[in-house]
Amino acid sequence: MRLTNQSHFIFQKPGVFYFSHRIPTNLLGHYNRPRSIMSLRTKLPRAASERAATLAATLDEDWLTLRWRLGDDTFKRFLGSTTAGSI
């Protein structure tokens, strides 16, 4: 397995690029494995980078949707405390 510099999410095995992304800790219960790995079905570095970026964006969207369904508010750490009478 050869790691590449093009993306944090891709590596290369005998010429073919693969996508690899760690599953967030709070979502591990919804997956069979702690890491998502799939073939990008290309030997071209540029195509691999583009496909990996698309897959990473799709996973991020899916994970955000799953968190919302679970009631896990990702942005609650940015909210200030609200007191009665102050608006």
PDB file of N, CA and C in Angstrom:
ATOM      1  N   MET A   1       0.847  -1.169   0.000  1.00  0.00           N
ATOM      2  CA  MET A   1       0.000   0.000   0.000  1.00  0.00           C
ATOM      3  C   MET A   1       0.891   1.230   0.000  1.00  0.00           C
ATOM      4  N   ARG A   2       0.698   2.089  -0.971  1.00  0.00           N
ATOM      5  CA  ARG A   2       1.491   3.300  -1.091  1.00  0.00           C
ATOM      6  C   ARG A   2       0.596   4.510  -0.878  1.00  0.00           C
ATOM      7  N   LEU A   3       0.931   5.329   0.125  1.00  0.00           N
ATOM      8  CA  LEU A   3       0.176   6.549   0.367  1.00  0.00           C
ATOM      9  C   LEU A   3       0.585   7.592  -0.657  1.00  0.00           C
ATOM     10  N   THR A   4      -0.356   8.453  -1.019  1.00  0.00           N
ATOM     11  CA  THR A   4      -0.066   9.483  -2.007  1.00  0.00           C
ATOM     12  C   THR A   4      -0.176  10.862  -1.391  1.00  0.00           C
ATOM     13  N   ASN A   5       0.380  11.836  -2.059  1.00  0.00           N
ATOM     14  CA  ASN A   5       0.332  13.216  -1.576  1.00  0.00           C
ATOM     15  C   ASN A   5      -0.854  13.987  -2.147  1.00  0.00           C
ATOM     16  N   GLN A   6      -1.563  13.410  -3.108  1.00  0.00           N
ATOM     17  CA  GLN A   6      -2.644  14.131  -3.760  1.00  0.00           C
ATOM     18  C   GLN A   6      -3.820  14.407  -2.818  1.00  0.00           C
ATOM     19  N   SER A   7      -4.107  13.499  -1.957  1.00  0.00           N
ATOM     20  CA  SER A   7      -5.268  13.635  -1.086  1.00  0.00           C
ATOM     21  C   SER A   7      -5.048  12.842   0.190  1.00  0.00           C
ATOM     22  N   HIS A   8      -5.687  13.274   1.252  1.00  0.00           N
ATOM     23  CA  HIS A   8      -5.598  12.547   2.517  1.00  0.00           C
ATOM     24  C   HIS A   8      -6.413  11.263   2.468  1.00  0.00           C
ATOM     25  N   PHE A   9      -7.294  11.143   1.503  1.00  0.00           N
ATOM     26  CA  PHE A   9      -8.233  10.036   1.473  1.00  0.00           C
ATOM     27  C   PHE A   9      -7.895   8.954   0.459  1.00  0.00           C
ATOM     28  N   ILE A  10      -6.787   9.076  -0.258  1.00  0.00           N
ATOM     29  CA  ILE A  10      -6.493   8.066  -1.267  1.00  0.00           C
ATOM     30  C   ILE A  10      -5.146   7.391  -1.018  1.00  0.00           C
ATOM     31  N   PHE A  11      -5.087   6.142  -1.427  1.00  0.00           N
ATOM     32  CA  PHE A  11      -3.834   5.396  -1.416  1.00  0.00           C
ATOM     33  C   PHE A  11      -3.829   4.506  -2.649  1.00  0.00           C
ATOM     34  N   GLN A  12      -2.674   3.952  -2.937  1.00  0.00           N
ATOM     35  CA  GLN A  12      -2.526   3.177  -4.162  1.00  0.00           C
ATOM     36  C   GLN A  12      -2.036   1.774  -3.859  1.00  0.00           C
ATOM     37  N   LYS A  13      -2.688   0.810  -4.473  1.00  0.00           N
ATOM     38  CA  LYS A  13      -2.280  -0.594  -4.427  1.00  0.00           C
ATOM     39  C   LYS A  13      -2.058  -1.015  -5.869  1.00  0.00           C
ATOM     40  N   PRO A  14      -1.047  -1.832  -6.140  1.00  0.00           N
ATOM     41  CA  PRO A  14      -0.630  -2.205  -7.493  1.00  0.00           C
ATOM     42  C   PRO A  14      -1.224  -1.363  -8.631  1.00  0.00           C
ATOM     43  N   GLY A  15      -0.984  -0.072  -8.580  1.00  0.00           N
ATOM     44  CA  GLY A  15      -1.374   0.821  -9.662  1.00  0.00           C
ATOM     45  C   GLY A  15      -2.754   1.425  -9.561  1.00  0.00           C
ATOM     46  N   VAL A  16      -3.664   0.828  -8.811  1.00  0.00           N
ATOM     47  CA  VAL A  16      -5.042   1.312  -8.709  1.00  0.00           C
ATOM     48  C   VAL A  16      -5.208   2.136  -7.432  1.00  0.00           C
ATOM     49  N   PHE A  17      -5.897   3.254  -7.555  1.00  0.00           N
ATOM     50  CA  PHE A  17      -6.126   4.122  -6.397  1.00  0.00           C
ATOM     51  C   PHE A  17      -7.371   3.679  -5.627  1.00  0.00           C
ATOM     52  N   TYR A  18      -7.299   3.859  -4.317  1.00  0.00           N
ATOM     53  CA  TYR A  18      -8.399   3.532  -3.405  1.00  0.00           C
ATOM     54  C   TYR A  18      -8.726   4.736  -2.541  1.00  0.00           C
ATOM     55  N   PHE A  19      -9.994   4.802  -2.135  1.00  0.00           N
ATOM     56  CA  PHE A  19     -10.473   5.839  -1.232  1.00  0.00           C
ATOM     57  C   PHE A  19     -10.581   5.232   0.159  1.00  0.00           C
ATOM     58  N   SER A  20     -10.113   5.946   1.161  1.00  0.00           N
ATOM     59  CA  SER A  20     -10.196   5.476   2.541  1.00  0.00           C
ATOM     60  C   SER A  20     -10.551   6.641   3.450  1.00  0.00           C
ATOM     61  N   HIS A  21     -11.583   6.459   4.266  1.00  0.00           N
ATOM     62  CA  HIS A  21     -12.007   7.533   5.172  1.00  0.00           C
ATOM     63  C   HIS A  21     -12.469   6.903   6.487  1.00  0.00           C
ATOM     64  N   ARG A  22     -12.010   7.443   7.587  1.00  0.00           N
ATOM     65  CA  ARG A  22     -12.389   6.952   8.911  1.00  0.00           C
ATOM     66  C   ARG A  22     -13.822   7.374   9.229  1.00  0.00           C
ATOM     67  N   ILE A  23     -14.582   6.461   9.806  1.00  0.00           N
ATOM     68  CA  ILE A  23     -15.949   6.751  10.229  1.00  0.00           C
ATOM     69  C   ILE A  23     -15.882   7.514  11.554  1.00  0.00           C
ATOM     70  N   PRO A  24     -16.610   8.626  11.690  1.00  0.00           N
ATOM     71  CA  PRO A  24     -16.602   9.374  12.952  1.00  0.00           C
ATOM     72  C   PRO A  24     -17.046   8.501  14.134  1.00  0.00           C
ATOM     73  N   THR A  25     -16.453   8.733  15.267  1.00  0.00           N
ATOM     74  CA  THR A  25     -16.712   7.936  16.466  1.00  0.00           C
ATOM     75  C   THR A  25     -18.193   7.878  16.822  1.00  0.00           C
ATOM     76  N   ASN A  26     -18.881   9.011  16.740  1.00  0.00           N
ATOM     77  CA  ASN A  26     -20.289   9.020  17.150  1.00  0.00           C
ATOM     78  C   ASN A  26     -21.211   8.325  16.145  1.00  0.00           C
ATOM     79  N   LEU A  27     -20.685   7.897  14.992  1.00  0.00           N
ATOM     80  CA  LEU A  27     -21.495   7.203  13.996  1.00  0.00           C
ATOM     81  C   LEU A  27     -21.066   5.757  13.783  1.00  0.00           C
ATOM     82  N   LEU A  28     -20.105   5.284  14.556  1.00  0.00           N
ATOM     83  CA  LEU A  28     -19.589   3.923  14.392  1.00  0.00           C
ATOM     84  C   LEU A  28     -20.666   2.856  14.539  1.00  0.00           C
ATOM     85  N   GLY A  29     -21.668   3.106  15.344  1.00  0.00           N
ATOM     86  CA  GLY A  29     -22.744   2.138  15.550  1.00  0.00           C
ATOM     87  C   GLY A  29     -23.575   1.870  14.308  1.00  0.00           C
ATOM     88  N   HIS A  30     -23.469   2.722  13.303  1.00  0.00           N
ATOM     89  CA  HIS A  30     -24.235   2.573  12.073  1.00  0.00           C
ATOM     90  C   HIS A  30     -23.454   1.884  10.961  1.00  0.00           C
ATOM     91  N   TYR A  31     -22.223   1.516  11.238  1.00  0.00           N
ATOM     92  CA  TYR A  31     -21.354   0.914  10.226  1.00  0.00           C
ATOM     93  C   TYR A  31     -20.764  -0.396  10.743  1.00  0.00           C
ATOM     94  N   ASN A  32     -20.382  -1.254   9.812  1.00  0.00           N
ATOM     95  CA  ASN A  32     -19.780  -2.544  10.163  1.00  0.00           C
ATOM     96  C   ASN A  32     -18.295  -2.438  10.461  1.00  0.00           C
ATOM     97  N   ARG A  33     -17.664  -1.405   9.949  1.00  0.00           N
ATOM     98  CA  ARG A  33     -16.217  -1.233  10.104  1.00  0.00           C
ATOM     99  C   ARG A  33     -15.895   0.206  10.493  1.00  0.00           C
ATOM    100  N   PRO A  34     -14.740   0.432  11.106  1.00  0.00           N
ATOM    101  CA  PRO A  34     -14.376   1.798  11.513  1.00  0.00           C
ATOM    102  C   PRO A  34     -13.807   2.640  10.373  1.00  0.00           C
ATOM    103  N   ARG A  35     -13.657   2.057   9.197  1.00  0.00           N
ATOM    104  CA  ARG A  35     -13.090   2.780   8.057  1.00  0.00           C
ATOM    105  C   ARG A  35     -13.825   2.375   6.788  1.00  0.00           C
ATOM    106  N   SER A  36     -14.103   3.349   5.950  1.00  0.00           N
ATOM    107  CA  SER A  36     -14.733   3.097   4.666  1.00  0.00           C
ATOM    108  C   SER A  36     -13.643   3.073   3.600  1.00  0.00           C
ATOM    109  N   ILE A  37     -13.504   1.951   2.894  1.00  0.00           N
ATOM    110  CA  ILE A  37     -12.478   1.797   1.861  1.00  0.00           C
ATOM    111  C   ILE A  37     -13.143   1.280   0.595  1.00  0.00           C
ATOM    112  N   MET A  38     -12.847   1.926  -0.544  1.00  0.00           N
ATOM    113  CA  MET A  38     -13.386   1.465  -1.819  1.00  0.00           C
ATOM    114  C   MET A  38     -12.446   1.828  -2.961  1.00  0.00           C
ATOM    115  N   SER A  39     -12.485   1.032  -3.995  1.00  0.00           N
ATOM    116  CA  SER A  39     -11.659   1.269  -5.167  1.00  0.00           C
ATOM    117  C   SER A  39     -12.195   2.471  -5.934  1.00  0.00           C
ATOM    118  N   LEU A  40     -11.286   3.313  -6.407  1.00  0.00           N
ATOM    119  CA  LEU A  40     -11.676   4.439  -7.249  1.00  0.00           C
ATOM    120  C   LEU A  40     -11.660   4.050  -8.727  1.00  0.00           C
ATOM    121  N   ARG A  41     -11.233   2.816  -9.010  1.00  0.00           N
ATOM    122  CA  ARG A  41     -11.231   2.242 -10.349  1.00  0.00           C
ATOM    123  C   ARG A  41     -10.496   3.098 -11.371  1.00  0.00           C
ATOM    124  N   THR A  42      -9.353   3.620 -10.956  1.00  0.00           N
ATOM    125  CA  THR A  42      -8.522   4.382 -11.868  1.00  0.00           C
ATOM    126  C   THR A  42      -7.063   4.264 -11.473  1.00  0.00           C
ATOM    127  N   LYS A  43      -6.204   4.449 -12.452  1.00  0.00           N
ATOM    128  CA  LYS A  43      -4.766   4.469 -12.213  1.00  0.00           C
ATOM    129  C   LYS A  43      -4.218   5.877 -12.406  1.00  0.00           C
ATOM    130  N   LEU A  44      -5.101   6.810 -12.720  1.00  0.00           N
ATOM    131  CA  LEU A  44      -4.705   8.191 -12.972  1.00  0.00           C
ATOM    132  C   LEU A  44      -4.842   9.028 -11.705  1.00  0.00           C
ATOM    133  N   PRO A  45      -3.755   9.674 -11.266  1.00  0.00           N
ATOM    134  CA  PRO A  45      -3.792  10.450 -10.024  1.00  0.00           C
ATOM    135  C   PRO A  45      -4.833  11.572 -10.020  1.00  0.00           C
ATOM    136  N   ARG A  46      -4.969  12.276 -11.121  1.00  0.00           N
ATOM    137  CA  ARG A  46      -5.927  13.394 -11.158  1.00  0.00           C
ATOM    138  C   ARG A  46      -7.362  12.891 -11.036  1.00  0.00           C
ATOM    139  N   ALA A  47      -7.677  11.838 -11.764  1.00  0.00           N
ATOM    140  CA  ALA A  47      -9.026  11.262 -11.687  1.00  0.00           C
ATOM    141  C   ALA A  47      -9.301  10.738 -10.277  1.00  0.00           C
ATOM    142  N   ALA A  48      -8.297  10.129  -9.662  1.00  0.00           N
ATOM    143  CA  ALA A  48      -8.447   9.614  -8.297  1.00  0.00           C
ATOM    144  C   ALA A  48      -8.732  10.748  -7.318  1.00  0.00           C
ATOM    145  N   SER A  49      -8.014  11.848  -7.449  1.00  0.00           N
ATOM    146  CA  SER A  49      -8.224  12.996  -6.554  1.00  0.00           C
ATOM    147  C   SER A  49      -9.625  13.561  -6.700  1.00  0.00           C
ATOM    148  N   GLU A  50     -10.097  13.673  -7.939  1.00  0.00           N
ATOM    149  CA  GLU A  50     -11.440  14.208  -8.176  1.00  0.00           C
ATOM    150  C   GLU A  50     -12.510  13.273  -7.619  1.00  0.00           C
ATOM    151  N   ARG A  51     -12.354  11.983  -7.858  1.00  0.00           N
ATOM    152  CA  ARG A  51     -13.335  11.020  -7.357  1.00  0.00           C
ATOM    153  C   ARG A  51     -13.321  10.972  -5.825  1.00  0.00           C
ATOM    154  N   ALA A  52     -12.141  11.048  -5.234  1.00  0.00           N
ATOM    155  CA  ALA A  52     -12.036  11.028  -3.775  1.00  0.00           C
ATOM    156  C   ALA A  52     -12.688  12.262  -3.165  1.00  0.00           C
ATOM    157  N   ALA A  53     -12.496  13.407  -3.788  1.00  0.00           N
ATOM    158  CA  ALA A  53     -13.123  14.639  -3.285  1.00  0.00           C
ATOM    159  C   ALA A  53     -14.636  14.532  -3.341  1.00  0.00           C
ATOM    160  N   THR A  54     -15.157  13.970  -4.410  1.00  0.00           N
ATOM    161  CA  THR A  54     -16.606  13.784  -4.541  1.00  0.00           C
ATOM    162  C   THR A  54     -17.134  12.820  -3.487  1.00  0.00           C
ATOM    163  N   LEU A  55     -16.432  11.711  -3.294  1.00  0.00           N
ATOM    164  CA  LEU A  55     -16.852  10.737  -2.279  1.00  0.00           C
ATOM    165  C   LEU A  55     -16.790  11.327  -0.875  1.00  0.00           C
ATOM    166  N   ALA A  56     -15.740  12.087  -0.575  1.00  0.00           N
ATOM    167  CA  ALA A  56     -15.605  12.696   0.752  1.00  0.00           C
ATOM    168  C   ALA A  56     -16.740  13.689   1.011  1.00  0.00           C
ATOM    169  N   ALA A  57     -17.084  14.487   0.006  1.00  0.00           N
ATOM    170  CA  ALA A  57     -18.182  15.438   0.159  1.00  0.00           C
ATOM    171  C   ALA A  57     -19.510  14.723   0.366  1.00  0.00           C
ATOM    172  N   THR A  58     -19.728  13.646  -0.368  1.00  0.00           N
ATOM    173  CA  THR A  58     -20.956  12.870  -0.227  1.00  0.00           C
ATOM    174  C   THR A  58     -21.051  12.247   1.159  1.00  0.00           C
ATOM    175  N   LEU A  59     -19.945  11.684   1.636  1.00  0.00           N
ATOM    176  CA  LEU A  59     -19.938  11.106   2.984  1.00  0.00           C
ATOM    177  C   LEU A  59     -20.222  12.165   4.041  1.00  0.00           C
ATOM    178  N   ASP A  60     -19.602  13.333   3.907  1.00  0.00           N
ATOM    179  CA  ASP A  60     -19.834  14.411   4.872  1.00  0.00           C
ATOM    180  C   ASP A  60     -21.308  14.821   4.907  1.00  0.00           C
ATOM    181  N   GLU A  61     -21.939  14.905   3.740  1.00  0.00           N
ATOM    182  CA  GLU A  61     -23.366  15.234   3.681  1.00  0.00           C
ATOM    183  C   GLU A  61     -24.207  14.149   4.353  1.00  0.00           C
ATOM    184  N   ASP A  62     -23.896  12.902   4.037  1.00  0.00           N
ATOM    185  CA  ASP A  62     -24.635  11.786   4.628  1.00  0.00           C
ATOM    186  C   ASP A  62     -24.480  11.763   6.145  1.00  0.00           C
ATOM    187  N   TRP A  63     -23.270  12.004   6.608  1.00  0.00           N
ATOM    188  CA  TRP A  63     -23.025  11.988   8.055  1.00  0.00           C
ATOM    189  C   TRP A  63     -23.735  13.140   8.747  1.00  0.00           C
ATOM    190  N   LEU A  64     -23.782  14.304   8.118  1.00  0.00           N
ATOM    191  CA  LEU A  64     -24.488  15.437   8.707  1.00  0.00           C
ATOM    192  C   LEU A  64     -25.977  15.124   8.810  1.00  0.00           C
ATOM    193  N   THR A  65     -26.539  14.542   7.752  1.00  0.00           N
ATOM    194  CA  THR A  65     -27.953  14.160   7.767  1.00  0.00           C
ATOM    195  C   THR A  65     -28.227  13.124   8.857  1.00  0.00           C
ATOM    196  N   LEU A  66     -27.355  12.142   8.965  1.00  0.00           N
ATOM    197  CA  LEU A  66     -27.514  11.106   9.993  1.00  0.00           C
ATOM    198  C   LEU A  66     -27.440  11.708  11.392  1.00  0.00           C
ATOM    199  N   ARG A  67     -26.528  12.630  11.596  1.00  0.00           N
ATOM    200  CA  ARG A  67     -26.419  13.294  12.911  1.00  0.00           C
ATOM    201  C   ARG A  67     -27.678  14.080  13.235  1.00  0.00           C
ATOM    202  N   TRP A  68     -28.244  14.771  12.251  1.00  0.00           N
ATOM    203  CA  TRP A  68     -29.478  15.516  12.488  1.00  0.00           C
ATOM    204  C   TRP A  68     -30.614  14.577  12.855  1.00  0.00           C
ATOM    205  N   ARG A  69     -30.690  13.440  12.185  1.00  0.00           N
ATOM    206  CA  ARG A  69     -31.739  12.467  12.501  1.00  0.00           C
ATOM    207  C   ARG A  69     -31.579  11.897  13.901  1.00  0.00           C
ATOM    208  N   LEU A  70     -30.346  11.771  14.351  1.00  0.00           N
ATOM    209  CA  LEU A  70     -30.068  11.246  15.689  1.00  0.00           C
ATOM    210  C   LEU A  70     -30.231  12.301  16.775  1.00  0.00           C
ATOM    211  N   GLY A  71     -30.399  13.555  16.365  1.00  0.00           N
ATOM    212  CA  GLY A  71     -30.536  14.622  17.333  1.00  0.00           C
ATOM    213  C   GLY A  71     -29.204  15.151  17.828  1.00  0.00           C
ATOM    214  N   ASP A  72     -28.128  14.787  17.173  1.00  0.00           N
ATOM    215  CA  ASP A  72     -26.800  15.268  17.544  1.00  0.00           C
ATOM    216  C   ASP A  72     -26.542  16.573  16.814  1.00  0.00           C
ATOM    217  N   ASP A  73     -26.634  17.683  17.526  1.00  0.00           N
ATOM    218  CA  ASP A  73     -26.442  18.994  16.926  1.00  0.00           C
ATOM    219  C   ASP A  73     -24.952  19.316  16.867  1.00  0.00           C
ATOM    220  N   THR A  74     -24.385  19.188  15.680  1.00  0.00           N
ATOM    221  CA  THR A  74     -22.959  19.411  15.475  1.00  0.00           C
ATOM    222  C   THR A  74     -22.545  20.830  15.844  1.00  0.00           C
ATOM    223  N   PHE A  75     -23.445  21.794  15.679  1.00  0.00           N
ATOM    224  CA  PHE A  75     -23.090  23.191  15.879  1.00  0.00           C
ATOM    225  C   PHE A  75     -23.476  23.738  17.245  1.00  0.00           C
ATOM    226  N   LYS A  76     -23.915  22.886  18.157  1.00  0.00           N
ATOM    227  CA  LYS A  76     -24.350  23.381  19.466  1.00  0.00           C
ATOM    228  C   LYS A  76     -23.216  24.006  20.267  1.00  0.00           C
ATOM    229  N   ARG A  77     -21.984  23.643  19.949  1.00  0.00           N
ATOM    230  CA  ARG A  77     -20.856  24.233  20.677  1.00  0.00           C
ATOM    231  C   ARG A  77     -20.687  25.709  20.352  1.00  0.00           C
ATOM    232  N   PHE A  78     -21.298  26.177  19.249  1.00  0.00           N
ATOM    233  CA  PHE A  78     -21.177  27.587  18.865  1.00  0.00           C
ATOM    234  C   PHE A  78     -22.279  28.443  19.473  1.00  0.00           C
ATOM    235  N   LEU A  79     -23.281  27.789  20.050  1.00  0.00           N
ATOM    236  CA  LEU A  79     -24.403  28.521  20.624  1.00  0.00           C
ATOM    237  C   LEU A  79     -24.034  29.048  22.014  1.00  0.00           C
ATOM    238  N   GLY A  80     -24.446  30.271  22.270  1.00  0.00           N
ATOM    239  CA  GLY A  80     -24.240  30.841  23.591  1.00  0.00           C
ATOM    240  C   GLY A  80     -25.391  30.479  24.502  1.00  0.00           C
ATOM    241  N   SER A  81     -25.204  30.673  25.785  1.00  0.00           N
ATOM    242  CA  SER A  81     -26.313  30.392  26.707  1.00  0.00           C
ATOM    243  C   SER A  81     -27.310  31.538  26.640  1.00  0.00           C
ATOM    244  N   THR A  82     -28.566  31.196  26.587  1.00  0.00           N
ATOM    245  CA  THR A  82     -29.622  32.196  26.491  1.00  0.00           C
ATOM    246  C   THR A  82     -30.271  32.355  27.860  1.00  0.00           C
ATOM    247  N   THR A  83     -30.380  33.583  28.309  1.00  0.00           N
ATOM    248  CA  THR A  83     -31.028  33.842  29.604  1.00  0.00           C
ATOM    249  C   THR A  83     -32.334  34.564  29.355  1.00  0.00           C
ATOM    250  N   ALA A  84     -33.273  34.403  30.254  1.00  0.00           N
ATOM    251  CA  ALA A  84     -34.587  35.038  30.137  1.00  0.00           C
ATOM    252  C   ALA A  84     -34.412  36.556  30.161  1.00  0.00           C
ATOM    253  N   GLY A  85     -35.115  37.219  29.263  1.00  0.00           N
ATOM    254  CA  GLY A  85     -35.092  38.670  29.251  1.00  0.00           C
ATOM    255  C   GLY A  85     -34.026  39.270  28.335  1.00  0.00           C
ATOM    256  N   SER A  86     -33.091  38.512  27.875  1.00  0.00           N
ATOM    257  CA  SER A  86     -32.088  39.083  26.968  1.00  0.00           C
ATOM    258  C   SER A  86     -32.293  38.537  25.566  1.00  0.00           C
ATOM    259  N   ILE A  87     -32.491  39.448  24.642  1.00  0.00           N
ATOM    260  CA  ILE A  87     -32.685  39.048  23.254  1.00  0.00           C
ATOM    261  C   ILE A  87     -31.794  39.856  22.369  1.00  0.00           C
TER     262      ILE A  87
END
